[in-house]
C-alpha cells in the first residue's frame, strides 16, 4: 500500500488542484489565526468545494472552542477535525461526539517518552499526527519546519493510524519514512516558496518523492 500524503495549510485554488492531481489523500485548511497559513472560512469553503470526495478535507484547530468549530462547519465541508493544541484525551472524545467527525490529534515529539505519552490518545482519536515539539519561543504549535528523531516512532505499536510530520521535504521524506516506519506523512512548510505560500511544483515533487520511497 502506498504511503498516504497530507498537504496542510492550503489557501489557493491552484495549489489545492496541484495537491489533488498529485495524489494527496488529505487536504488541510488551517484555521489558527496566528499561523501564516491561516485561511478564512469563506475561502476554505470555496477550496473545499473543489476537492473530490475520495480526498479527505481536514480542518486544523488549536485549542478551539466549540463555537469556533461550529462556525467553520456551517460553511466548510470537512471530513476530519485536526486538533493541534493542548487538547486532552477527554476533549478529543468530546469533539468527536459533538461534531460527529473523525478527529486527528497532533502531538509534539522529542523523545521516546513523548511517544509513550501519546498512548493516552489511542482510544480517543481516530488518527494521531506526530510533529516536532516547537521551540520555546514559537508562536504556534506546528508548522515550524523542525524535525525530530524519527527512529523513536519505531516503538509505536498501537494499531491506531498515524501520520509523520515536522520538517519534511522532498529531500528527506524517503529517509524519514524508512526511519519511522510511517505509512502516512504530513507536509506544510516543506512545500512552500515562502511562509504561507504553497508551491505547486514543490507539492508535486514532494508527492513524487513519497511515491518513490513507498
Protein backbone atom coordinates (compact mmCIF):
# COMPACT_ATOMS: atom_id res chain seq x y z
CA UNK A 1 0.00 0.00 0.00
CA UNK A 2 1.45 3.41 -0.93
CA UNK A 3 2.31 5.93 1.76
CA UNK A 4 -0.53 8.46 2.12
CA UNK A 5 0.19 12.18 1.87
CA UNK A 6 -1.44 15.11 3.63
CA UNK A 7 -0.77 18.60 2.30
CA UNK A 8 -1.64 21.10 5.03
CA UNK A 9 -2.13 24.85 5.05
CA UNK A 10 -3.52 25.26 1.54
CA UNK A 11 -5.13 28.58 0.67
CA UNK A 12 -5.27 28.89 -3.13
CA UNK A 13 -7.22 27.04 -5.82
CA UNK A 14 -4.11 26.28 -7.91
CA UNK A 15 -2.29 24.56 -5.06
CA UNK A 16 -5.37 22.60 -3.99
CA UNK A 17 -5.63 21.39 -7.57
CA UNK A 18 -1.92 20.54 -7.61
CA UNK A 19 -2.25 18.52 -4.40
CA UNK A 20 -5.31 16.62 -5.62
CA UNK A 21 -3.81 15.94 -9.05
CA UNK A 22 -0.55 14.75 -7.49
CA UNK A 23 -2.45 12.18 -5.45
CA UNK A 24 -2.68 13.61 -1.93
CA UNK A 25 -5.06 11.71 0.35
CA UNK A 26 -5.67 14.62 2.73
CA UNK A 27 -6.06 18.35 2.03
CA UNK A 28 -5.61 20.56 5.09
CA UNK A 29 -7.01 24.02 5.87
CA UNK A 30 -5.54 25.96 8.78
CA UNK A 31 -7.97 27.92 10.97
CA UNK A 32 -5.39 29.06 13.54
CA UNK A 33 -5.21 32.84 13.19
CA UNK A 34 -1.60 33.19 14.35
CA UNK A 35 -0.35 30.94 11.59
CA UNK A 36 0.92 32.35 8.27
CA UNK A 37 -1.16 29.57 6.73
CA UNK A 38 -4.44 30.79 8.23
CA UNK A 39 -7.33 30.71 5.78
CA UNK A 40 -10.69 32.43 6.18
CA UNK A 41 -13.88 30.44 6.42
CA UNK A 42 -15.22 31.75 3.11
CA UNK A 43 -12.05 30.94 1.19
CA UNK A 44 -11.83 27.50 2.79
CA UNK A 45 -15.44 26.82 1.83
CA UNK A 46 -14.65 27.57 -1.80
CA UNK A 47 -11.49 25.46 -1.78
CA UNK A 48 -13.14 22.51 -0.07
CA UNK A 49 -15.78 22.57 -2.77
CA UNK A 50 -13.18 21.69 -5.41
CA UNK A 51 -11.86 18.64 -3.53
CA UNK A 52 -13.15 15.25 -4.76
CA UNK A 53 -14.99 13.07 -2.25
CA UNK A 54 -12.23 10.48 -2.36
CA UNK A 55 -9.84 13.01 -0.81
CA UNK A 56 -10.33 13.92 2.86
CA UNK A 57 -10.58 17.59 3.82
CA UNK A 58 -9.02 18.36 7.20
CA UNK A 59 -9.63 21.43 9.34
CA UNK A 60 -6.78 22.38 11.68
CA UNK A 61 -7.77 23.95 15.02
CA UNK A 62 -5.66 24.92 18.03
CA UNK A 63 -7.42 24.76 21.41
CA UNK A 64 -10.60 25.94 19.69
CA UNK A 65 -13.90 26.48 21.48
CA UNK A 66 -16.99 24.68 20.20
CA UNK A 67 -18.35 27.89 18.70
CA UNK A 68 -15.21 28.34 16.58
CA UNK A 69 -15.51 24.84 15.15
CA UNK A 70 -19.25 25.28 14.63
CA UNK A 71 -18.67 28.50 12.66
CA UNK A 72 -16.33 26.69 10.28
CA UNK A 73 -18.54 23.64 9.84
CA UNK A 74 -21.55 25.77 8.93
CA UNK A 75 -19.79 26.72 5.68
CA UNK A 76 -16.87 24.37 5.12
CA UNK A 77 -17.30 20.72 4.23
CA UNK A 78 -14.71 18.89 6.35
CA UNK A 79 -14.01 15.18 6.61
CA UNK A 80 -11.70 15.35 9.63
CA UNK A 81 -11.04 17.73 12.53
CA UNK A 82 -7.36 18.12 13.39
CA UNK A 83 -6.67 19.27 16.96
CA UNK A 84 -3.18 20.73 17.16
CA UNK A 85 -3.13 22.32 20.60
CA UNK A 86 -3.04 21.15 24.18
CA UNK A 87 -6.32 19.24 23.95
CA UNK A 88 -6.69 16.38 26.43
CA UNK A 89 -7.96 12.90 25.53
CA UNK A 90 -11.26 13.92 27.11
CA UNK A 91 -11.52 16.98 24.90
CA UNK A 92 -10.80 14.85 21.82
CA UNK A 93 -13.65 12.49 22.74
CA UNK A 94 -15.92 15.47 23.38
CA UNK A 95 -15.20 16.97 19.95
CA UNK A 96 -15.78 13.64 18.20
CA UNK A 97 -19.15 13.20 19.89
CA UNK A 98 -20.35 16.77 19.46
CA UNK A 99 -19.50 17.19 15.78
CA UNK A 100 -19.77 13.61 14.56
CA UNK A 101 -16.50 13.74 12.66
CA UNK A 102 -13.26 11.78 12.98
CA UNK A 103 -10.52 13.55 14.93
CA UNK A 104 -6.81 13.67 14.15
CA UNK A 105 -4.79 14.63 17.25
CA UNK A 106 -1.40 16.23 16.74
CA UNK A 107 1.26 15.57 19.36
CA UNK A 108 4.70 17.09 19.82
CA UNK A 109 7.52 14.55 19.85
CA UNK A 110 11.09 14.90 21.04
CA UNK A 111 11.97 11.61 22.76
CA UNK A 112 10.56 8.11 23.13
CA UNK A 113 8.84 9.27 26.32
CA UNK A 114 6.64 11.53 24.22
CA UNK A 115 5.65 8.55 22.08
CA UNK A 116 4.67 6.59 25.18
CA UNK A 117 2.63 9.58 26.42
CA UNK A 118 0.77 9.59 23.10
CA UNK A 119 -0.77 6.25 24.00
CA UNK A 120 -3.22 8.16 26.20
CA UNK A 121 -4.95 9.24 22.98
CA UNK A 122 -5.13 5.77 21.42
CA UNK A 123 -8.78 5.30 22.40
CA UNK A 124 -9.80 8.94 21.97
CA UNK A 125 -8.72 9.91 18.44
CA UNK A 126 -9.11 8.33 15.01
CA UNK A 127 -5.63 9.32 13.84
CA UNK A 128 -2.53 10.62 15.54
CA UNK A 129 -0.14 13.08 13.94
CA UNK A 130 3.40 13.12 15.29
CA UNK A 131 5.05 16.52 14.87
CA UNK A 132 8.25 18.00 16.27
CA UNK A 133 7.91 19.90 19.51
CA UNK A 134 8.01 23.65 18.81
CA UNK A 135 10.94 25.76 20.04
CA UNK A 136 10.37 27.57 23.37
CA UNK A 137 9.77 30.93 21.69
CA UNK A 138 7.41 29.61 18.99
CA UNK A 139 4.07 31.36 18.44
CA UNK A 140 2.41 28.25 17.05
CA UNK A 141 2.47 24.54 17.95
CA UNK A 142 3.32 23.26 14.46
CA UNK A 143 4.47 24.35 11.03
CA UNK A 144 7.88 25.37 12.35
CA UNK A 145 9.94 23.41 9.81
CA UNK A 146 11.52 21.35 12.60
CA UNK A 147 12.23 17.64 12.51
CA UNK A 148 12.79 15.18 15.36
CA UNK A 149 14.48 11.81 15.71
CA UNK A 150 12.17 9.75 13.51
CA UNK A 151 13.56 6.49 14.85
CA UNK A 152 11.70 6.92 18.16
CA UNK A 153 8.46 6.08 16.36
CA UNK A 154 9.64 2.57 15.60
CA UNK A 155 8.46 1.63 19.09
CA UNK A 156 4.92 2.86 18.42
CA UNK A 157 2.91 -0.37 18.46
CA UNK A 158 -0.74 0.74 18.71
CA UNK A 159 -2.99 -0.07 15.76
CA UNK A 160 -4.36 3.49 15.51
CA UNK A 161 -3.24 5.01 12.19
CA UNK A 162 -0.76 7.88 12.40
CA UNK A 163 0.98 10.47 10.26
CA UNK A 164 4.55 11.72 10.43
CA UNK A 165 5.09 15.49 10.30
CA UNK A 166 7.74 18.06 11.13
CA UNK A 167 10.37 19.46 8.80
CA UNK A 168 9.64 17.07 5.94
CA UNK A 169 10.81 18.00 2.44
CA UNK A 170 11.28 16.33 -0.90
CA UNK A 171 14.92 15.74 0.05
CA UNK A 172 14.40 13.97 3.38
CA UNK A 173 10.97 12.35 3.25
CA UNK A 174 12.23 8.98 1.98
CA UNK A 175 14.71 8.74 4.86
CA UNK A 176 12.01 9.81 7.32
CA UNK A 177 9.55 7.18 6.10
CA UNK A 178 12.11 4.41 6.45
CA UNK A 179 13.34 5.59 9.84
CA UNK A 180 9.89 5.99 11.38
CA UNK A 181 8.08 3.21 9.56
CA UNK A 182 5.45 5.77 8.55
CA UNK A 183 2.51 4.85 6.34
CA UNK A 184 1.32 8.45 6.05
CA UNK A 185 3.10 11.81 6.07
CA UNK A 186 2.05 15.43 6.52
CA UNK A 187 3.81 18.44 4.97
CA UNK A 188 3.26 22.19 5.07
CA UNK A 189 6.35 24.40 5.18
CA UNK A 190 8.29 21.86 3.12
CA UNK A 191 6.25 22.65 0.01
CA UNK A 192 6.30 26.44 0.29
CA UNK A 193 8.15 29.14 -1.63
CA UNK A 194 7.85 31.35 1.47
CA UNK A 195 5.88 31.03 4.74
CA UNK A 196 2.21 30.55 3.96
CA UNK A 197 2.65 30.41 0.18
CA UNK A 198 2.50 26.92 -1.30
CA UNK A 199 4.33 25.96 -4.49
CA UNK A 200 2.52 23.69 -6.93
CA UNK A 201 5.87 22.43 -8.24
CA UNK A 202 7.10 21.60 -4.72
CA UNK A 203 3.84 19.82 -3.92
CA UNK A 204 4.21 17.60 -6.98
CA UNK A 205 7.88 16.95 -6.22
CA UNK A 206 7.11 16.02 -2.61
CA UNK A 207 4.34 13.59 -3.52
CA UNK A 208 6.57 12.03 -6.19
CA UNK A 209 9.32 11.56 -3.61
CA UNK A 210 6.88 9.85 -1.25
CA UNK A 211 5.66 7.57 -4.02
CA UNK A 212 9.24 6.62 -4.88
CA UNK A 213 10.01 5.93 -1.23
CA UNK A 214 6.87 3.83 -0.76
